């Protein structure tokens, strides 16, 4: 398992578009992707779970990836979050 803690940079946090982009990108990997926000743990491949987590701008998120392609999944997740989803 690999993980990294990041700060959400885009102004609106994980609203519909970034949640859809993130879940779609993570769905391409075989690894299990979990986002930890405070006491919450959510499935990184589920748009609804990401939106329901109410992840706002400035939130600290730990992305955990576990599986055969875990490092590639983590690298992709980090790139998406650090880029602010292009917003």
PDB file of N, CA and C in Angstrom:
ATOM      1  N   UNK A   1       0.836  -1.181   0.000  1.00  0.00           N
ATOM      2  CA  UNK A   1       0.000   0.000   0.000  1.00  0.00           C
ATOM      3  C   UNK A   1       0.881   1.245   0.000  1.00  0.00           C
ATOM      4  N   UNK A   2       0.473   2.227  -0.789  1.00  0.00           N
ATOM      5  CA  UNK A   2       1.161   3.510  -0.826  1.00  0.00           C
ATOM      6  C   UNK A   2       0.140   4.603  -0.542  1.00  0.00           C
ATOM      7  N   UNK A   3       0.605   5.703   0.025  1.00  0.00           N
ATOM      8  CA  UNK A   3      -0.311   6.801   0.316  1.00  0.00           C
ATOM      9  C   UNK A   3       0.431   8.128   0.302  1.00  0.00           C
ATOM     10  N   UNK A   4      -0.342   9.191   0.177  1.00  0.00           N
ATOM     11  CA  UNK A   4       0.224  10.531   0.214  1.00  0.00           C
ATOM     12  C   UNK A   4      -0.859  11.491   0.708  1.00  0.00           C
ATOM     13  N   UNK A   5      -0.438  12.440   1.539  1.00  0.00           N
ATOM     14  CA  UNK A   5      -1.354  13.444   2.061  1.00  0.00           C
ATOM     15  C   UNK A   5      -1.192  14.725   1.255  1.00  0.00           C
ATOM     16  N   UNK A   6      -2.320  15.264   0.807  1.00  0.00           N
ATOM     17  CA  UNK A   6      -2.349  16.436  -0.065  1.00  0.00           C
ATOM     18  C   UNK A   6      -3.366  17.447   0.440  1.00  0.00           C
ATOM     19  N   UNK A   7      -3.257  18.666  -0.074  1.00  0.00           N
ATOM     20  CA  UNK A   7      -4.241  19.704   0.214  1.00  0.00           C
ATOM     21  C   UNK A   7      -5.014  19.988  -1.060  1.00  0.00           C
ATOM     22  N   UNK A   8      -6.339  19.988  -0.964  1.00  0.00           N
ATOM     23  CA  UNK A   8      -7.195  20.276  -2.116  1.00  0.00           C
ATOM     24  C   UNK A   8      -7.045  21.747  -2.469  1.00  0.00           C
ATOM     25  N   UNK A   9      -6.711  22.027  -3.739  1.00  0.00           N
ATOM     26  CA  UNK A   9      -6.392  23.384  -4.169  1.00  0.00           C
ATOM     27  C   UNK A   9      -7.496  24.072  -4.962  1.00  0.00           C
ATOM     28  N   UNK A  10      -8.317  23.315  -5.672  1.00  0.00           N
ATOM     29  CA  UNK A  10      -9.317  23.988  -6.498  1.00  0.00           C
ATOM     30  C   UNK A  10     -10.393  24.636  -5.626  1.00  0.00           C
ATOM     31  N   UNK A  11     -10.859  25.788  -6.062  1.00  0.00           N
ATOM     32  CA  UNK A  11     -11.724  26.655  -5.247  1.00  0.00           C
ATOM     33  C   UNK A  11     -13.012  25.989  -4.778  1.00  0.00           C
ATOM     34  N   UNK A  12     -13.576  25.116  -5.573  1.00  0.00           N
ATOM     35  CA  UNK A  12     -14.855  24.496  -5.216  1.00  0.00           C
ATOM     36  C   UNK A  12     -14.713  23.110  -4.588  1.00  0.00           C
ATOM     37  N   UNK A  13     -13.493  22.633  -4.406  1.00  0.00           N
ATOM     38  CA  UNK A  13     -13.299  21.305  -3.827  1.00  0.00           C
ATOM     39  C   UNK A  13     -13.776  20.211  -4.773  1.00  0.00           C
ATOM     40  N   UNK A  14     -14.200  19.082  -4.205  1.00  0.00           N
ATOM     41  CA  UNK A  14     -14.671  17.943  -5.003  1.00  0.00           C
ATOM     42  C   UNK A  14     -16.158  18.090  -5.309  1.00  0.00           C
ATOM     43  N   UNK A  15     -16.509  19.034  -6.198  1.00  0.00           N
ATOM     44  CA  UNK A  15     -17.889  19.114  -6.658  1.00  0.00           C
ATOM     45  C   UNK A  15     -18.057  18.136  -7.817  1.00  0.00           C
ATOM     46  N   UNK A  16     -19.147  18.218  -8.544  1.00  0.00           N
ATOM     47  CA  UNK A  16     -19.493  17.201  -9.543  1.00  0.00           C
ATOM     48  C   UNK A  16     -18.395  16.967 -10.593  1.00  0.00           C
ATOM     49  N   UNK A  17     -17.871  18.016 -11.215  1.00  0.00           N
ATOM     50  CA  UNK A  17     -16.896  17.804 -12.282  1.00  0.00           C
ATOM     51  C   UNK A  17     -15.598  17.179 -11.787  1.00  0.00           C
ATOM     52  N   UNK A  18     -14.937  17.731 -10.751  1.00  0.00           N
ATOM     53  CA  UNK A  18     -13.708  17.083 -10.305  1.00  0.00           C
ATOM     54  C   UNK A  18     -13.929  15.680  -9.734  1.00  0.00           C
ATOM     55  N   UNK A  19     -15.054  15.478  -9.075  1.00  0.00           N
ATOM     56  CA  UNK A  19     -15.342  14.144  -8.545  1.00  0.00           C
ATOM     57  C   UNK A  19     -15.495  13.142  -9.683  1.00  0.00           C
ATOM     58  N   UNK A  20     -16.143  13.569 -10.758  1.00  0.00           N
ATOM     59  CA  UNK A  20     -16.319  12.693 -11.923  1.00  0.00           C
ATOM     60  C   UNK A  20     -14.987  12.418 -12.608  1.00  0.00           C
ATOM     61  N   UNK A  21     -14.175  13.448 -12.763  1.00  0.00           N
ATOM     62  CA  UNK A  21     -12.850  13.287 -13.371  1.00  0.00           C
ATOM     63  C   UNK A  21     -11.997  12.347 -12.529  1.00  0.00           C
ATOM     64  N   UNK A  22     -11.982  12.570 -11.210  1.00  0.00           N
ATOM     65  CA  UNK A  22     -11.153  11.763 -10.316  1.00  0.00           C
ATOM     66  C   UNK A  22     -11.610  10.304 -10.323  1.00  0.00           C
ATOM     67  N   UNK A  23     -12.913  10.067 -10.133  1.00  0.00           N
ATOM     68  CA  UNK A  23     -13.433   8.694 -10.097  1.00  0.00           C
ATOM     69  C   UNK A  23     -13.199   7.979 -11.423  1.00  0.00           C
ATOM     70  N   UNK A  24     -13.361   8.703 -12.526  1.00  0.00           N
ATOM     71  CA  UNK A  24     -13.122   8.105 -13.840  1.00  0.00           C
ATOM     72  C   UNK A  24     -11.673   7.690 -14.029  1.00  0.00           C
ATOM     73  N   UNK A  25     -10.756   8.556 -13.591  1.00  0.00           N
ATOM     74  CA  UNK A  25      -9.331   8.244 -13.707  1.00  0.00           C
ATOM     75  C   UNK A  25      -8.953   7.069 -12.806  1.00  0.00           C
ATOM     76  N   UNK A  26      -9.503   7.032 -11.609  1.00  0.00           N
ATOM     77  CA  UNK A  26      -9.178   5.960 -10.666  1.00  0.00           C
ATOM     78  C   UNK A  26      -9.803   4.635 -11.081  1.00  0.00           C
ATOM     79  N   UNK A  27     -10.921   4.692 -11.792  1.00  0.00           N
ATOM     80  CA  UNK A  27     -11.598   3.484 -12.263  1.00  0.00           C
ATOM     81  C   UNK A  27     -10.781   2.688 -13.258  1.00  0.00           C
ATOM     82  N   UNK A  28      -9.773   3.299 -13.836  1.00  0.00           N
ATOM     83  CA  UNK A  28      -8.918   2.611 -14.816  1.00  0.00           C
ATOM     84  C   UNK A  28      -7.881   1.711 -14.146  1.00  0.00           C
ATOM     85  N   UNK A  29      -7.760   1.835 -12.831  1.00  0.00           N
ATOM     86  CA  UNK A  29      -6.765   1.051 -12.104  1.00  0.00           C
ATOM     87  C   UNK A  29      -7.427  -0.116 -11.381  1.00  0.00           C
ATOM     88  N   UNK A  30      -6.670  -1.199 -11.242  1.00  0.00           N
ATOM     89  CA  UNK A  30      -7.167  -2.371 -10.517  1.00  0.00           C
ATOM     90  C   UNK A  30      -7.086  -2.186  -9.005  1.00  0.00           C
ATOM     91  N   UNK A  31      -6.211  -1.305  -8.555  1.00  0.00           N
ATOM     92  CA  UNK A  31      -5.992  -1.093  -7.129  1.00  0.00           C
ATOM     93  C   UNK A  31      -7.226  -0.504  -6.453  1.00  0.00           C
ATOM     94  N   UNK A  32      -7.317  -0.731  -5.153  1.00  0.00           N
ATOM     95  CA  UNK A  32      -8.353  -0.092  -4.343  1.00  0.00           C
ATOM     96  C   UNK A  32      -7.862   1.315  -4.005  1.00  0.00           C
ATOM     97  N   UNK A  33      -8.708   2.317  -4.220  1.00  0.00           N
ATOM     98  CA  UNK A  33      -8.353   3.710  -3.966  1.00  0.00           C
ATOM     99  C   UNK A  33      -9.258   4.238  -2.858  1.00  0.00           C
ATOM    100  N   UNK A  34      -8.664   4.728  -1.791  1.00  0.00           N
ATOM    101  CA  UNK A  34      -9.431   5.276  -0.674  1.00  0.00           C
ATOM    102  C   UNK A  34      -8.925   6.678  -0.362  1.00  0.00           C
ATOM    103  N   UNK A  35      -9.857   7.608  -0.149  1.00  0.00           N
ATOM    104  CA  UNK A  35      -9.505   8.948   0.296  1.00  0.00           C
ATOM    105  C   UNK A  35      -9.919   9.074   1.753  1.00  0.00           C
ATOM    106  N   UNK A  36      -8.989   9.538   2.571  1.00  0.00           N
ATOM    107  CA  UNK A  36      -9.273   9.752   3.987  1.00  0.00           C
ATOM    108  C   UNK A  36      -9.320  11.258   4.226  1.00  0.00           C
ATOM    109  N   UNK A  37     -10.461  11.727   4.711  1.00  0.00           N
ATOM    110  CA  UNK A  37     -10.667  13.141   5.009  1.00  0.00           C
ATOM    111  C   UNK A  37     -11.196  13.211   6.438  1.00  0.00           C
ATOM    112  N   UNK A  38     -10.347  13.664   7.346  1.00  0.00           N
ATOM    113  CA  UNK A  38     -10.745  13.650   8.752  1.00  0.00           C
ATOM    114  C   UNK A  38     -11.003  12.219   9.187  1.00  0.00           C
ATOM    115  N   UNK A  39     -12.189  11.965   9.711  1.00  0.00           N
ATOM    116  CA  UNK A  39     -12.561  10.617  10.160  1.00  0.00           C
ATOM    117  C   UNK A  39     -13.220   9.794   9.054  1.00  0.00           C
ATOM    118  N   UNK A  40     -13.480  10.418   7.906  1.00  0.00           N
ATOM    119  CA  UNK A  40     -14.167   9.741   6.808  1.00  0.00           C
ATOM    120  C   UNK A  40     -13.181   9.004   5.916  1.00  0.00           C
ATOM    121  N   UNK A  41     -13.609   7.833   5.436  1.00  0.00           N
ATOM    122  CA  UNK A  41     -12.873   7.097   4.414  1.00  0.00           C
ATOM    123  C   UNK A  41     -13.856   6.846   3.283  1.00  0.00           C
ATOM    124  N   UNK A  42     -13.488   7.281   2.078  1.00  0.00           N
ATOM    125  CA  UNK A  42     -14.400   7.130   0.946  1.00  0.00           C
ATOM    126  C   UNK A  42     -13.716   6.426  -0.219  1.00  0.00           C
ATOM    127  N   UNK A  43     -14.520   5.752  -1.008  1.00  0.00           N
ATOM    128  CA  UNK A  43     -14.056   5.039  -2.192  1.00  0.00           C
ATOM    129  C   UNK A  43     -13.728   6.058  -3.278  1.00  0.00           C
ATOM    130  N   UNK A  44     -12.482   6.090  -3.700  1.00  0.00           N
ATOM    131  CA  UNK A  44     -12.033   7.036  -4.708  1.00  0.00           C
ATOM    132  C   UNK A  44     -12.545   6.754  -6.103  1.00  0.00           C
ATOM    133  N   UNK A  45     -13.225   5.628  -6.290  1.00  0.00           N
ATOM    134  CA  UNK A  45     -13.784   5.291  -7.602  1.00  0.00           C
ATOM    135  C   UNK A  45     -15.280   5.606  -7.674  1.00  0.00           C
ATOM    136  N   UNK A  46     -15.844   6.150  -6.594  1.00  0.00           N
ATOM    137  CA  UNK A  46     -17.273   6.425  -6.532  1.00  0.00           C
ATOM    138  C   UNK A  46     -17.536   7.932  -6.547  1.00  0.00           C
ATOM    139  N   UNK A  47     -18.154   8.416  -7.618  1.00  0.00           N
ATOM    140  CA  UNK A  47     -18.478   9.839  -7.725  1.00  0.00           C
ATOM    141  C   UNK A  47     -19.369  10.260  -6.558  1.00  0.00           C
ATOM    142  N   UNK A  48     -20.378   9.477  -6.275  1.00  0.00           N
ATOM    143  CA  UNK A  48     -21.322   9.833  -5.217  1.00  0.00           C
ATOM    144  C   UNK A  48     -20.645   9.891  -3.843  1.00  0.00           C
ATOM    145  N   UNK A  49     -19.760   8.939  -3.562  1.00  0.00           N
ATOM    146  CA  UNK A  49     -19.051   8.960  -2.281  1.00  0.00           C
ATOM    147  C   UNK A  49     -18.135  10.172  -2.171  1.00  0.00           C
ATOM    148  N   UNK A  50     -17.486  10.538  -3.268  1.00  0.00           N
ATOM    149  CA  UNK A  50     -16.605  11.705  -3.258  1.00  0.00           C
ATOM    150  C   UNK A  50     -17.388  12.987  -3.011  1.00  0.00           C
ATOM    151  N   UNK A  51     -18.537  13.126  -3.662  1.00  0.00           N
ATOM    152  CA  UNK A  51     -19.362  14.311  -3.470  1.00  0.00           C
ATOM    153  C   UNK A  51     -19.931  14.331  -2.045  1.00  0.00           C
ATOM    154  N   UNK A  52     -20.396  13.188  -1.570  1.00  0.00           N
ATOM    155  CA  UNK A  52     -20.988  13.104  -0.234  1.00  0.00           C
ATOM    156  C   UNK A  52     -19.986  13.414   0.869  1.00  0.00           C
ATOM    157  N   UNK A  53     -18.701  13.236   0.594  1.00  0.00           N
ATOM    158  CA  UNK A  53     -17.672  13.507   1.603  1.00  0.00           C
ATOM    159  C   UNK A  53     -17.489  15.001   1.854  1.00  0.00           C
ATOM    160  N   UNK A  54     -18.067  15.847   1.002  1.00  0.00           N
ATOM    161  CA  UNK A  54     -17.994  17.315   1.147  1.00  0.00           C
ATOM    162  C   UNK A  54     -16.547  17.797   1.300  1.00  0.00           C
ATOM    163  N   UNK A  55     -15.695  17.400   0.382  1.00  0.00           N
ATOM    164  CA  UNK A  55     -14.284  17.770   0.419  1.00  0.00           C
ATOM    165  C   UNK A  55     -14.140  19.176  -0.159  1.00  0.00           C
ATOM    166  N   UNK A  56     -13.810  20.120   0.689  1.00  0.00           N
ATOM    167  CA  UNK A  56     -13.738  21.537   0.318  1.00  0.00           C
ATOM    168  C   UNK A  56     -12.309  21.965  -0.009  1.00  0.00           C
ATOM    169  N   UNK A  57     -12.184  23.150  -0.593  1.00  0.00           N
ATOM    170  CA  UNK A  57     -10.878  23.742  -0.855  1.00  0.00           C
ATOM    171  C   UNK A  57     -10.136  23.899   0.464  1.00  0.00           C
ATOM    172  N   UNK A  58      -8.867  23.524   0.469  1.00  0.00           N
ATOM    173  CA  UNK A  58      -8.046  23.623   1.674  1.00  0.00           C
ATOM    174  C   UNK A  58      -8.084  22.390   2.549  1.00  0.00           C
ATOM    175  N   UNK A  59      -8.958  21.438   2.223  1.00  0.00           N
ATOM    176  CA  UNK A  59      -9.049  20.204   3.012  1.00  0.00           C
ATOM    177  C   UNK A  59      -7.788  19.363   2.826  1.00  0.00           C
ATOM    178  N   UNK A  60      -7.388  18.698   3.882  1.00  0.00           N
ATOM    179  CA  UNK A  60      -6.266  17.767   3.820  1.00  0.00           C
ATOM    180  C   UNK A  60      -6.829  16.381   3.535  1.00  0.00           C
ATOM    181  N   UNK A  61      -6.325  15.770   2.476  1.00  0.00           N
ATOM    182  CA  UNK A  61      -6.813  14.470   2.019  1.00  0.00           C
ATOM    183  C   UNK A  61      -5.635  13.505   1.927  1.00  0.00           C
ATOM    184  N   UNK A  62      -5.807  12.312   2.457  1.00  0.00           N
ATOM    185  CA  UNK A  62      -4.800  11.272   2.281  1.00  0.00           C
ATOM    186  C   UNK A  62      -5.331  10.271   1.268  1.00  0.00           C
ATOM    187  N   UNK A  63      -4.594  10.108   0.185  1.00  0.00           N
ATOM    188  CA  UNK A  63      -4.962   9.155  -0.853  1.00  0.00           C
ATOM    189  C   UNK A  63      -4.196   7.863  -0.583  1.00  0.00           C
ATOM    190  N   UNK A  64      -4.927   6.759  -0.423  1.00  0.00           N
ATOM    191  CA  UNK A  64      -4.315   5.447  -0.177  1.00  0.00           C
ATOM    192  C   UNK A  64      -4.646   4.528  -1.344  1.00  0.00           C
ATOM    193  N   UNK A  65      -3.634   3.907  -1.906  1.00  0.00           N
ATOM    194  CA  UNK A  65      -3.808   2.990  -3.030  1.00  0.00           C
ATOM    195  C   UNK A  65      -3.207   1.645  -2.656  1.00  0.00           C
ATOM    196  N   UNK A  66      -3.963   0.588  -2.907  1.00  0.00           N
ATOM    197  CA  UNK A  66      -3.515  -0.749  -2.544  1.00  0.00           C
ATOM    198  C   UNK A  66      -3.842  -1.722  -3.668  1.00  0.00           C
ATOM    199  N   UNK A  67      -2.811  -2.300  -4.275  1.00  0.00           N
ATOM    200  CA  UNK A  67      -3.023  -3.259  -5.345  1.00  0.00           C
ATOM    201  C   UNK A  67      -1.838  -3.328  -6.281  1.00  0.00           C
ATOM    202  N   UNK A  68      -2.020  -4.051  -7.368  1.00  0.00           N
ATOM    203  CA  UNK A  68      -0.932  -4.317  -8.310  1.00  0.00           C
ATOM    204  C   UNK A  68      -0.388  -3.054  -8.968  1.00  0.00           C
ATOM    205  N   UNK A  69      -1.267  -2.085  -9.238  1.00  0.00           N
ATOM    206  CA  UNK A  69      -0.830  -0.854  -9.921  1.00  0.00           C
ATOM    207  C   UNK A  69      -0.942   0.363  -8.999  1.00  0.00           C
ATOM    208  N   UNK A  70      -0.688   0.136  -7.716  1.00  0.00           N
ATOM    209  CA  UNK A  70      -0.880   1.170  -6.699  1.00  0.00           C
ATOM    210  C   UNK A  70      -0.050   2.430  -6.931  1.00  0.00           C
ATOM    211  N   UNK A  71       1.197   2.297  -7.343  1.00  0.00           N
ATOM    212  CA  UNK A  71       2.030   3.483  -7.520  1.00  0.00           C
ATOM    213  C   UNK A  71       1.544   4.338  -8.683  1.00  0.00           C
ATOM    214  N   UNK A  72       1.158   3.711  -9.770  1.00  0.00           N
ATOM    215  CA  UNK A  72       0.629   4.459 -10.917  1.00  0.00           C
ATOM    216  C   UNK A  72      -0.673   5.154 -10.539  1.00  0.00           C
ATOM    217  N   UNK A  73      -1.515   4.478  -9.769  1.00  0.00           N
ATOM    218  CA  UNK A  73      -2.776   5.077  -9.318  1.00  0.00           C
ATOM    219  C   UNK A  73      -2.510   6.279  -8.420  1.00  0.00           C
ATOM    220  N   UNK A  74      -1.571   6.135  -7.498  1.00  0.00           N
ATOM    221  CA  UNK A  74      -1.243   7.239  -6.598  1.00  0.00           C
ATOM    222  C   UNK A  74      -0.674   8.423  -7.383  1.00  0.00           C
ATOM    223  N   UNK A  75       0.213   8.146  -8.320  1.00  0.00           N
ATOM    224  CA  UNK A  75       0.804   9.226  -9.128  1.00  0.00           C
ATOM    225  C   UNK A  75      -0.276   9.996  -9.884  1.00  0.00           C
ATOM    226  N   UNK A  76      -1.245   9.289 -10.438  1.00  0.00           N
ATOM    227  CA  UNK A  76      -2.341   9.927 -11.160  1.00  0.00           C
ATOM    228  C   UNK A  76      -3.209  10.757 -10.221  1.00  0.00           C
ATOM    229  N   UNK A  77      -3.531  10.208  -9.064  1.00  0.00           N
ATOM    230  CA  UNK A  77      -4.350  10.919  -8.074  1.00  0.00           C
ATOM    231  C   UNK A  77      -3.653  12.198  -7.614  1.00  0.00           C
ATOM    232  N   UNK A  78      -2.368  12.099  -7.343  1.00  0.00           N
ATOM    233  CA  UNK A  78      -1.592  13.261  -6.890  1.00  0.00           C
ATOM    234  C   UNK A  78      -1.581  14.332  -7.985  1.00  0.00           C
ATOM    235  N   UNK A  79      -1.355  13.932  -9.215  1.00  0.00           N
ATOM    236  CA  UNK A  79      -1.326  14.887 -10.329  1.00  0.00           C
ATOM    237  C   UNK A  79      -2.669  15.614 -10.460  1.00  0.00           C
ATOM    238  N   UNK A  80      -3.768  14.876 -10.362  1.00  0.00           N
ATOM    239  CA  UNK A  80      -5.090  15.487 -10.485  1.00  0.00           C
ATOM    240  C   UNK A  80      -5.355  16.488  -9.357  1.00  0.00           C
ATOM    241  N   UNK A  81      -5.096  16.084  -8.138  1.00  0.00           N
ATOM    242  CA  UNK A  81      -5.390  16.953  -6.990  1.00  0.00           C
ATOM    243  C   UNK A  81      -4.465  18.168  -6.975  1.00  0.00           C
ATOM    244  N   UNK A  82      -3.175  17.960  -7.221  1.00  0.00           N
ATOM    245  CA  UNK A  82      -2.239  19.083  -7.203  1.00  0.00           C
ATOM    246  C   UNK A  82      -2.473  20.077  -8.337  1.00  0.00           C
ATOM    247  N   UNK A  83      -3.032  19.606  -9.439  1.00  0.00           N
ATOM    248  CA  UNK A  83      -3.307  20.499 -10.560  1.00  0.00           C
ATOM    249  C   UNK A  83      -4.605  21.279 -10.361  1.00  0.00           C
ATOM    250  N   UNK A  84      -5.342  20.954  -9.303  1.00  0.00           N
ATOM    251  CA  UNK A  84      -6.628  21.617  -9.070  1.00  0.00           C
ATOM    252  C   UNK A  84      -7.667  21.220 -10.096  1.00  0.00           C
ATOM    253  N   UNK A  85      -7.477  20.065 -10.711  1.00  0.00           N
ATOM    254  CA  UNK A  85      -8.390  19.534 -11.733  1.00  0.00           C
ATOM    255  C   UNK A  85      -8.530  20.497 -12.909  1.00  0.00           C
ATOM    256  N   UNK A  86      -7.513  21.326 -13.121  1.00  0.00           N
ATOM    257  CA  UNK A  86      -7.535  22.244 -14.245  1.00  0.00           C
ATOM    258  C   UNK A  86      -8.446  23.452 -14.056  1.00  0.00           C
ATOM    259  N   UNK A  87      -8.918  23.657 -12.839  1.00  0.00           N
ATOM    260  CA  UNK A  87      -9.824  24.800 -12.593  1.00  0.00           C
ATOM    261  C   UNK A  87      -9.063  26.035 -12.226  1.00  0.00           C
TER     262      UNK A  87
END
